[in-house]
Amino acid sequence: MISTILSLFFPNTHALFLWHDKIAAYCTVPYFGLRKASAQKVEVASTQDNNPPSRAHIGTTLLPGSEDVWHLGLPLKYFILVNLHFPAAAADSLDQAVRFSLMRHVPFDLSQARVGYARHSGSGSGNGLDLEVSVIEESALQSLSTALGQVGIFPAGVFPSLVYIARVHGRDGVYVHGDNSMAEALLLEKGRVVFHVWDDMPVGGTIVDFLRSISPVLMNRPQPPEWIFAWECAMSSQDLLEGLGLQDGKVEEVVPEFSRALLEKAPYRIALERPGVAAKQRISLWLRVGLAVLFLLALTAYPFGGLFGKKAHLHKLEAEISRMKPQADIIAEKRSEIQDVSDFMKDVSKNAKLRPRVMELLHEMTQVLPGNAWLESFVFSQGRVRIQGRADSATSIIEAMENSPLFREVRFESPVTKSHNKDVFQISAEVVH
């Protein structure tokens, strides 16, 4: 029961490859909803060619779960793969455009087939639509789906296995898969499948014969392939090089990589409808919503969990604060008195520092002022001196103060007036520190 509920949130994702003599499954492993890039391989020998094993055998080996997601990889012989190009204007009626174009490539009625297409990931946005289209006969797909459904496997999509391996591996070259009973190969150039071929070996035939038959096609390419990538291939590296005529080529064994995202975007994939998947998705959605609501309620209720238990303690604190308030008021009053005394002492200290400066300025004024002038007031504040008095010439006072090294920016504070043949002046000047 618990595993069924968890599978709604973190269903296992499988890559299932069907070959003529066995089934191979790769299961990605969930880690809190995340998935590893690859998983362990599980093989089950088939009881009949191209048919899955018995229900008991696959049930005890692959252990399919009711919510597991299966992506079915098949040999190239099941598919017709076509690359189509359309102008951008065809995007509004792409399905009709694809089916019309396929009539020239498919030797059977499209009403008896499943079609899948997707835009090539490397196509430019301004060059129209480059589509990778795949077609599989309904009868072959129905036969496989029925057989797999009997053992609890309902594929979410079907795709050509070797194309998936090549595109995920991502390196240009020849990709080969098979043995002396069945073989397939494709050529990947700049991320695109430009050539693919398969063959069910005739009696007495070998995979070397298969490779020799396609070697002229590869050698006639403008740039013959340098690399051979073998996947589940029952041949030595030397046999592969000799069969394809690439004596100077290089061989590498491909280790497949899988993830949910990679499988859902497999090249030439055809999406399939799984029975009851819509209802299960609705159940999963409601369960997720319910758990999200419960989680939010828990977060909301958490701050109130200890509220009532802390209320009595809060009352005690308030009572203690009320008891200490008179003492706090007395302390605040004393602190205010201390601050007043401190401010007074700062003013006294400031004035004491200024007094020698005032005496110096008065002495300077007596030195620079002419003998026919006398002062009626002298104020020193905020770095400026303001004087008021009488003299035969107020201008001579300005000149005398400007010649003193202690003053600058000397100017009249008000217009000069006459009184008893004397100029009455008010002058200010900035004191040079």
Protein backbone atom coordinates (compact mmCIF):
# COMPACT_ATOMS: atom_id res chain seq x y z
CA MET A 1 0.00 0.00 0.00
CA ILE A 2 2.78 2.44 0.96
CA SER A 3 4.78 1.61 -2.17
CA THR A 4 1.68 2.19 -4.30
CA ILE A 5 1.12 5.64 -2.77
CA LEU A 6 4.79 6.57 -3.15
CA SER A 7 4.76 5.44 -6.77
CA LEU A 8 2.16 8.10 -7.49
CA PHE A 9 4.75 10.72 -6.60
CA PHE A 10 8.00 9.02 -7.62
CA PRO A 11 7.15 6.35 -10.24
CA ASN A 12 10.02 4.28 -11.57
CA THR A 13 11.01 5.06 -15.16
CA HIS A 14 12.22 2.16 -17.31
CA ALA A 15 13.84 1.84 -20.69
CA LEU A 16 12.76 -1.50 -22.14
CA PHE A 17 14.61 -2.81 -25.20
CA LEU A 18 13.07 -5.68 -27.12
CA TRP A 19 15.34 -7.80 -29.29
CA HIS A 20 14.78 -11.02 -31.19
CA ASP A 21 16.11 -13.25 -28.42
CA LYS A 22 15.79 -11.26 -25.18
CA ILE A 23 14.45 -8.27 -23.33
CA ALA A 24 16.76 -5.77 -21.63
CA ALA A 25 15.46 -3.26 -19.09
CA TYR A 26 17.20 -0.26 -17.59
CA CYS A 27 15.48 1.24 -14.57
CA THR A 28 16.28 4.73 -13.31
CA VAL A 29 16.30 4.93 -9.51
CA PRO A 30 14.36 7.69 -7.69
CA TYR A 31 16.09 9.80 -5.04
CA PHE A 32 13.44 12.07 -3.51
CA GLY A 33 11.96 12.61 -6.94
CA LEU A 34 15.33 13.05 -8.69
CA ARG A 35 16.80 10.37 -10.93
CA LYS A 36 20.18 8.96 -11.66
CA ALA A 37 21.47 9.32 -15.20
CA SER A 38 21.79 5.55 -15.65
CA ALA A 39 20.76 2.35 -13.95
CA GLN A 40 21.54 -1.33 -13.77
CA LYS A 41 20.66 -3.51 -16.71
CA VAL A 42 18.32 -6.48 -16.30
CA GLU A 43 18.03 -9.05 -19.09
CA VAL A 44 15.29 -11.63 -19.57
CA ALA A 45 15.58 -14.28 -22.24
CA SER A 46 12.57 -14.50 -24.59
CA THR A 47 10.61 -17.69 -24.96
CA GLN A 48 9.75 -16.87 -28.60
CA ASP A 49 11.33 -14.54 -31.16
CA ASN A 50 10.24 -10.93 -30.67
CA ASN A 51 7.77 -11.87 -27.91
CA PRO A 52 8.20 -11.18 -24.23
CA PRO A 53 8.84 -14.03 -21.82
CA SER A 54 6.20 -15.69 -19.70
CA ARG A 55 4.25 -13.62 -17.16
CA ALA A 56 5.82 -15.47 -14.25
CA HIS A 57 9.33 -15.03 -15.61
CA ILE A 58 9.10 -11.31 -16.28
CA GLY A 59 7.15 -10.71 -13.08
CA THR A 60 9.86 -12.22 -10.91
CA THR A 61 12.68 -10.57 -12.89
CA LEU A 62 11.56 -7.04 -13.77
CA LEU A 63 8.91 -6.63 -11.04
CA PRO A 64 6.72 -4.15 -12.98
CA GLY A 65 4.81 -1.77 -10.72
CA SER A 66 1.32 -0.48 -11.41
CA GLU A 67 2.55 3.11 -11.67
CA ASP A 68 5.86 2.48 -13.43
CA VAL A 69 6.54 4.37 -16.67
CA TRP A 70 7.93 2.24 -19.49
CA HIS A 71 9.60 3.52 -22.67
CA LEU A 72 9.88 0.82 -25.31
CA GLY A 73 12.88 0.66 -27.64
CA LEU A 74 12.56 -1.50 -30.75
CA PRO A 75 14.88 -2.48 -33.61
CA LEU A 76 14.97 -0.34 -36.73
CA LYS A 77 12.98 -2.91 -38.72
CA TYR A 78 9.79 -1.84 -36.96
CA PHE A 79 10.06 1.75 -38.12
CA ILE A 80 10.06 3.91 -41.19
CA LEU A 81 12.20 6.98 -40.40
CA VAL A 82 11.87 10.10 -42.53
CA ASN A 83 13.36 13.59 -42.28
CA LEU A 84 10.98 16.24 -43.62
CA HIS A 85 11.36 19.97 -44.19
CA PHE A 86 8.45 22.43 -44.24
CA PRO A 87 8.21 26.20 -44.48
CA ALA A 88 7.42 27.98 -41.24
CA ALA A 89 3.90 28.72 -42.49
CA ALA A 90 3.06 25.00 -42.27
CA ALA A 91 3.18 25.12 -38.47
CA ASP A 92 -0.56 25.83 -38.25
CA SER A 93 -1.50 22.60 -40.05
CA LEU A 94 1.59 20.51 -39.39
CA ASP A 95 -0.22 17.23 -38.76
CA GLN A 96 -1.92 17.33 -42.16
CA ALA A 97 1.32 18.39 -43.87
CA VAL A 98 3.26 15.51 -42.32
CA ARG A 99 0.67 12.88 -43.27
CA PHE A 100 0.45 14.19 -46.83
CA SER A 101 4.24 14.06 -47.24
CA LEU A 102 4.43 10.55 -45.76
CA MET A 103 2.26 9.17 -48.55
CA ARG A 104 5.39 9.14 -50.74
CA HIS A 105 7.46 7.25 -48.15
CA VAL A 106 5.11 4.73 -46.53
CA PRO A 107 4.06 1.60 -48.48
CA PHE A 108 0.87 1.06 -46.45
CA ASP A 109 -2.22 3.01 -45.43
CA LEU A 110 -1.43 5.60 -42.73
CA SER A 111 -4.77 4.87 -41.08
CA GLN A 112 -3.22 1.53 -40.10
CA ALA A 113 -0.12 3.11 -38.57
CA ARG A 114 1.06 5.27 -35.68
CA VAL A 115 2.97 8.44 -36.55
CA GLY A 116 5.25 10.52 -34.38
CA TYR A 117 7.24 13.62 -35.23
CA ALA A 118 9.29 16.29 -33.50
CA ARG A 119 11.42 19.20 -34.58
CA HIS A 120 15.11 18.42 -34.85
CA SER A 121 16.90 20.05 -31.91
CA GLY A 122 19.64 21.45 -34.15
CA SER A 123 17.41 23.15 -36.72
CA GLY A 124 17.58 26.94 -36.95
CA SER A 125 14.57 29.07 -36.08
CA GLY A 126 14.66 31.04 -39.33
CA ASN A 127 15.03 28.14 -41.82
CA GLY A 128 11.59 26.60 -41.67
CA LEU A 129 10.72 23.38 -39.87
CA ASP A 130 13.05 20.34 -39.91
CA LEU A 131 11.10 17.36 -38.60
CA GLU A 132 12.13 13.86 -37.62
CA VAL A 133 9.18 11.60 -38.44
CA SER A 134 8.71 7.96 -37.49
CA VAL A 135 6.00 5.50 -38.56
CA ILE A 136 5.17 2.07 -37.14
CA GLU A 137 2.46 -0.30 -38.32
CA GLU A 138 -0.51 -0.55 -35.98
CA SER A 139 -0.63 -4.34 -36.23
CA ALA A 140 2.96 -4.80 -35.07
CA LEU A 141 2.56 -2.26 -32.29
CA GLN A 142 -0.73 -3.78 -31.15
CA SER A 143 0.80 -7.24 -30.99
CA LEU A 144 3.69 -6.01 -28.85
CA SER A 145 1.46 -3.86 -26.61
CA THR A 146 -0.94 -6.74 -25.98
CA ALA A 147 1.87 -9.13 -25.07
CA LEU A 148 3.51 -6.60 -22.77
CA GLY A 149 0.17 -5.63 -21.21
CA GLN A 150 -0.37 -9.22 -20.15
CA VAL A 151 2.65 -8.90 -17.87
CA GLY A 152 1.68 -5.46 -16.52
CA ILE A 153 3.80 -3.30 -18.83
CA PHE A 154 2.05 -0.47 -20.68
CA PRO A 155 4.56 1.61 -22.71
CA ALA A 156 4.24 5.39 -22.65
CA GLY A 157 6.17 5.65 -25.90
CA VAL A 158 8.06 3.65 -28.50
CA PHE A 159 11.28 4.62 -30.31
CA PRO A 160 14.09 3.07 -32.39
CA SER A 161 16.68 1.82 -29.91
CA LEU A 162 19.83 2.34 -31.96
CA VAL A 163 18.86 5.92 -32.85
CA TYR A 164 18.39 6.70 -29.15
CA ILE A 165 21.79 5.20 -28.31
CA ALA A 166 23.50 7.19 -31.09
CA ARG A 167 21.87 10.54 -30.33
CA VAL A 168 22.45 10.31 -26.59
CA HIS A 169 26.07 9.27 -27.17
CA GLY A 170 26.27 12.30 -29.44
CA ARG A 171 29.40 11.54 -31.48
CA ASP A 172 29.43 11.24 -35.27
CA GLY A 173 30.21 7.85 -36.74
CA VAL A 174 28.76 4.42 -37.56
CA TYR A 175 26.66 2.77 -34.85
CA VAL A 176 26.31 -1.02 -35.07
CA HIS A 177 24.13 -3.44 -33.12
CA GLY A 178 23.34 -7.12 -33.56
CA ASP A 179 24.67 -10.62 -34.04
CA ASN A 180 24.56 -13.32 -36.70
CA SER A 181 20.74 -13.49 -36.43
CA MET A 182 19.86 -9.79 -36.76
CA ALA A 183 21.92 -6.68 -37.39
CA GLU A 184 21.30 -2.97 -37.77
CA ALA A 185 23.45 0.09 -38.34
CA LEU A 186 23.16 3.83 -38.83
CA LEU A 187 25.41 6.74 -39.71
CA LEU A 188 25.30 9.87 -37.55
CA GLU A 189 26.64 13.10 -39.09
CA LYS A 190 26.41 16.44 -37.27
CA GLY A 191 23.88 14.96 -34.90
CA ARG A 192 21.56 13.74 -37.69
CA VAL A 193 20.80 10.21 -38.84
CA VAL A 194 21.71 10.34 -42.54
CA PHE A 195 21.67 6.60 -43.24
CA HIS A 196 20.18 3.58 -41.49
CA VAL A 197 19.78 -0.05 -42.43
CA TRP A 198 18.81 -3.40 -40.86
CA ASP A 199 18.70 -7.04 -41.90
CA ASP A 200 17.37 -10.32 -40.55
CA MET A 201 20.25 -12.58 -41.44
CA PRO A 202 19.55 -15.26 -44.03
CA VAL A 203 20.55 -18.80 -43.28
CA GLY A 204 24.32 -19.01 -43.31
CA GLY A 205 24.72 -15.25 -43.24
CA THR A 206 26.84 -13.40 -40.70
CA ILE A 207 27.05 -9.88 -39.37
CA VAL A 208 30.33 -9.50 -41.27
CA ASP A 209 28.42 -10.08 -44.51
CA PHE A 210 25.94 -7.42 -43.40
CA LEU A 211 28.70 -4.90 -42.77
CA ARG A 212 30.39 -5.65 -46.10
CA SER A 213 27.10 -4.98 -47.88
CA ILE A 214 26.81 -1.45 -46.46
CA SER A 215 30.52 -0.60 -46.69
CA PRO A 216 30.31 0.89 -50.24
CA VAL A 217 27.57 3.28 -49.10
CA LEU A 218 29.72 4.53 -46.23
CA MET A 219 32.86 4.79 -48.34
CA ASN A 220 31.05 6.93 -50.91
CA ARG A 221 30.19 9.59 -48.34
CA PRO A 222 32.03 12.94 -48.82
CA GLN A 223 33.67 12.32 -45.47
CA PRO A 224 33.96 8.58 -44.71
CA PRO A 225 33.33 7.81 -41.03
CA GLU A 226 36.29 7.48 -38.72
CA TRP A 227 34.62 5.98 -35.67
CA ILE A 228 32.61 2.79 -35.20
CA PHE A 229 30.45 2.65 -32.07
CA ALA A 230 29.32 -0.83 -31.05
CA TRP A 231 26.29 -1.41 -28.86
CA GLU A 232 25.35 -4.92 -27.80
CA CYS A 233 27.33 -6.14 -30.80
CA ALA A 234 28.59 -9.73 -30.96
CA MET A 235 31.75 -8.85 -32.91
CA SER A 236 35.34 -8.02 -32.15
CA SER A 237 36.76 -4.61 -32.97
CA GLN A 238 38.92 -6.12 -35.71
CA ASP A 239 35.91 -7.80 -37.37
CA LEU A 240 33.99 -4.51 -37.31
CA LEU A 241 36.85 -2.62 -38.96
CA GLU A 242 37.38 -5.31 -41.60
CA GLY A 243 33.68 -5.70 -42.31
CA LEU A 244 33.21 -1.97 -42.93
CA GLY A 245 36.53 -1.60 -44.72
CA LEU A 246 37.77 1.01 -42.22
CA GLN A 247 41.25 -0.34 -41.56
CA ASP A 248 42.35 2.97 -40.03
CA GLY A 249 39.13 3.50 -38.10
CA LYS A 250 38.56 3.40 -34.36
CA VAL A 251 36.10 1.30 -32.38
CA GLU A 252 34.41 2.19 -29.11
CA GLU A 253 31.91 0.24 -27.02
CA VAL A 254 28.92 2.42 -26.17
CA VAL A 255 27.62 2.44 -22.61
CA PRO A 256 24.02 3.67 -22.76
CA GLU A 257 22.77 6.51 -20.59
CA PHE A 258 19.22 6.88 -19.38
CA SER A 259 17.05 9.36 -17.55
CA ARG A 260 13.41 10.29 -17.54
CA ALA A 261 14.08 13.48 -19.52
CA LEU A 262 16.17 11.68 -22.14
CA LEU A 263 13.58 8.95 -22.64
CA GLU A 264 10.67 11.37 -22.93
CA LYS A 265 12.58 13.26 -25.65
CA ALA A 266 13.94 10.21 -27.45
CA PRO A 267 14.46 10.87 -31.20
CA TYR A 268 11.71 9.56 -33.50
CA ARG A 269 9.62 8.72 -30.44
CA ILE A 270 5.92 7.89 -30.84
CA ALA A 271 3.85 8.67 -27.75
CA LEU A 272 1.33 6.04 -26.66
CA GLU A 273 -1.71 6.27 -24.46
CA ARG A 274 -1.60 4.10 -21.37
CA PRO A 275 -4.91 2.66 -20.08
CA GLY A 276 -6.20 4.49 -17.03
CA VAL A 277 -3.33 6.97 -17.03
CA ALA A 278 -5.66 10.00 -16.99
CA ALA A 279 -7.49 8.74 -13.90
CA LYS A 280 -4.21 7.94 -12.16
CA GLN A 281 -2.85 11.38 -13.00
CA ARG A 282 -5.95 12.96 -11.45
CA ILE A 283 -5.51 10.85 -8.30
CA SER A 284 -1.85 11.80 -8.17
CA LEU A 285 -2.74 15.47 -8.59
CA TRP A 286 -5.32 15.40 -5.79
CA LEU A 287 -2.93 13.56 -3.49
CA ARG A 288 -0.22 16.13 -4.18
CA VAL A 289 -2.65 18.98 -3.58
CA GLY A 290 -3.83 17.34 -0.36
CA LEU A 291 -0.31 16.85 0.92
CA ALA A 292 0.58 20.42 -0.04
CA VAL A 293 -2.44 21.71 1.91
CA LEU A 294 -1.52 19.59 4.93
CA PHE A 295 2.03 20.86 4.75
CA LEU A 296 0.88 24.49 4.62
CA LEU A 297 -1.51 23.90 7.53
CA ALA A 298 1.33 22.38 9.54
CA LEU A 299 3.54 25.38 8.80
CA THR A 300 0.73 27.74 9.77
CA ALA A 301 -0.13 25.90 12.98
CA TYR A 302 3.45 25.50 14.14
CA PRO A 303 3.86 29.05 15.55
CA PHE A 304 0.67 28.58 17.57
CA GLY A 305 1.70 25.18 18.96
CA GLY A 306 3.21 26.60 22.13
CA LEU A 307 1.14 29.80 22.31
CA PHE A 308 -1.24 28.70 25.02
CA GLY A 309 1.52 27.09 27.06
CA LYS A 310 3.53 30.32 26.99
CA LYS A 311 0.64 32.63 27.85
CA ALA A 312 1.03 32.15 31.64
CA HIS A 313 4.75 32.76 31.38
CA LEU A 314 4.01 35.99 29.49
CA HIS A 315 1.75 37.19 32.33
CA LYS A 316 4.52 36.54 34.83
CA LEU A 317 6.94 38.58 32.76
CA GLU A 318 4.47 41.45 32.55
CA ALA A 319 4.01 41.42 36.34
CA GLU A 320 7.75 41.46 36.88
CA ILE A 321 8.11 44.39 34.47
CA SER A 322 5.39 46.33 36.34
CA ARG A 323 7.18 45.73 39.67
CA MET A 324 10.50 46.97 38.28
CA LYS A 325 9.06 49.99 36.43
CA PRO A 326 9.45 52.54 39.32
CA GLN A 327 13.12 51.60 39.67
CA ALA A 328 13.56 51.87 35.92
CA ASP A 329 12.01 55.36 35.96
CA ILE A 330 14.43 56.49 38.71
CA ILE A 331 17.37 55.11 36.72
CA ALA A 332 16.14 56.90 33.59
CA GLU A 333 15.85 60.20 35.52
CA LYS A 334 19.39 59.87 36.93
CA ARG A 335 20.68 59.02 33.46
CA SER A 336 19.08 62.20 32.11
CA GLU A 337 20.73 64.29 34.87
CA ILE A 338 24.09 62.71 34.13
CA GLN A 339 23.65 63.54 30.45
CA ASP A 340 22.86 67.19 31.26
CA VAL A 341 25.99 67.49 33.41
CA SER A 342 28.03 65.86 30.66
CA ASP A 343 26.71 68.32 28.06
CA PHE A 344 27.49 71.27 30.39
CA MET A 345 31.05 70.05 30.92
CA LYS A 346 31.51 69.68 27.17
CA ASP A 347 30.40 73.32 26.67
CA VAL A 348 32.76 74.51 29.40
CA SER A 349 35.60 72.58 27.84
CA LYS A 350 34.79 74.01 24.42
CA ASN A 351 34.71 77.59 25.71
CA ALA A 352 37.93 77.05 27.59
CA LYS A 353 39.58 75.92 24.39
CA LEU A 354 38.25 78.93 22.52
CA ARG A 355 39.40 81.55 25.06
CA PRO A 356 43.10 81.60 24.08
CA ARG A 357 41.99 81.92 20.47
CA VAL A 358 39.79 84.96 21.27
CA MET A 359 42.65 86.70 23.02
CA GLU A 360 44.88 86.06 20.05
CA LEU A 361 42.31 87.55 17.66
CA LEU A 362 41.80 90.65 19.85
CA HIS A 363 45.53 91.18 19.97
CA GLU A 364 45.72 90.88 16.18
CA MET A 365 42.92 93.41 15.73
CA THR A 366 44.72 96.00 17.89
CA GLN A 367 47.80 95.50 15.74
CA VAL A 368 46.23 95.83 12.31
CA LEU A 369 43.57 98.49 12.88
CA PRO A 370 44.66 102.12 12.14
CA GLY A 371 44.99 104.56 15.03
CA ASN A 372 41.92 106.57 14.00
CA ALA A 373 39.59 103.53 14.39
CA TRP A 374 37.92 102.11 17.41
CA LEU A 375 35.64 99.09 17.96
CA GLU A 376 32.23 99.13 19.53
CA SER A 377 31.66 95.31 19.40
CA PHE A 378 33.64 92.15 18.74
CA VAL A 379 32.00 88.70 18.21
CA PHE A 380 33.76 85.41 17.47
CA SER A 381 31.40 82.51 16.58
CA GLN A 382 31.53 79.45 14.32
CA GLY A 383 34.91 80.34 12.89
CA ARG A 384 34.03 83.92 11.92
CA VAL A 385 34.77 87.34 13.46
CA ARG A 386 32.19 90.14 13.33
CA ILE A 387 33.24 93.68 14.35
CA GLN A 388 31.41 96.98 14.52
CA GLY A 389 32.99 100.42 14.97
CA ARG A 390 34.04 103.79 13.55
CA ALA A 391 37.02 104.96 11.50
CA ASP A 392 38.06 107.75 9.16
CA SER A 393 37.87 105.22 6.34
CA ALA A 394 36.00 101.88 6.55
CA THR A 395 37.87 100.67 3.46
CA SER A 396 41.16 100.96 5.35
CA ILE A 397 39.76 98.49 7.91
CA ILE A 398 39.01 95.94 5.13
CA GLU A 399 42.53 96.38 3.69
CA ALA A 400 44.17 96.06 7.10
CA MET A 401 42.32 92.81 7.92
CA GLU A 402 43.01 91.32 4.47
CA ASN A 403 46.72 91.88 5.05
CA SER A 404 46.55 89.87 8.30
CA PRO A 405 47.42 86.18 8.11
CA LEU A 406 44.59 85.37 10.55
CA PHE A 407 41.70 86.54 8.37
CA ARG A 408 40.27 85.82 4.92
CA GLU A 409 37.07 86.50 3.03
CA VAL A 410 36.79 89.94 4.68
CA ARG A 411 33.59 91.77 3.70
CA PHE A 412 31.08 94.39 4.82
CA GLU A 413 28.06 93.03 6.64
CA SER A 414 25.99 96.18 5.95
CA PRO A 415 26.36 99.47 4.03
CA VAL A 416 28.80 102.01 5.48
CA THR A 417 27.16 105.10 7.05
CA LYS A 418 28.54 108.52 8.23
CA SER A 419 28.37 109.83 11.76
CA HIS A 420 30.32 112.96 12.89
CA ASN A 421 32.65 112.70 9.90
CA LYS A 422 33.39 109.03 10.71
CA ASP A 423 32.55 105.90 8.74
CA VAL A 424 30.32 103.55 10.73
CA PHE A 425 31.05 99.96 9.61
CA GLN A 426 30.08 96.33 10.25
CA ILE A 427 32.66 93.89 8.94
CA SER A 428 32.98 90.06 9.08
CA ALA A 429 35.87 87.77 8.26
CA GLU A 430 36.64 84.06 8.36
CA VAL A 431 39.34 83.07 10.83
CA VAL A 432 42.18 81.05 9.35
CA HIS A 433 42.82 77.92 11.45
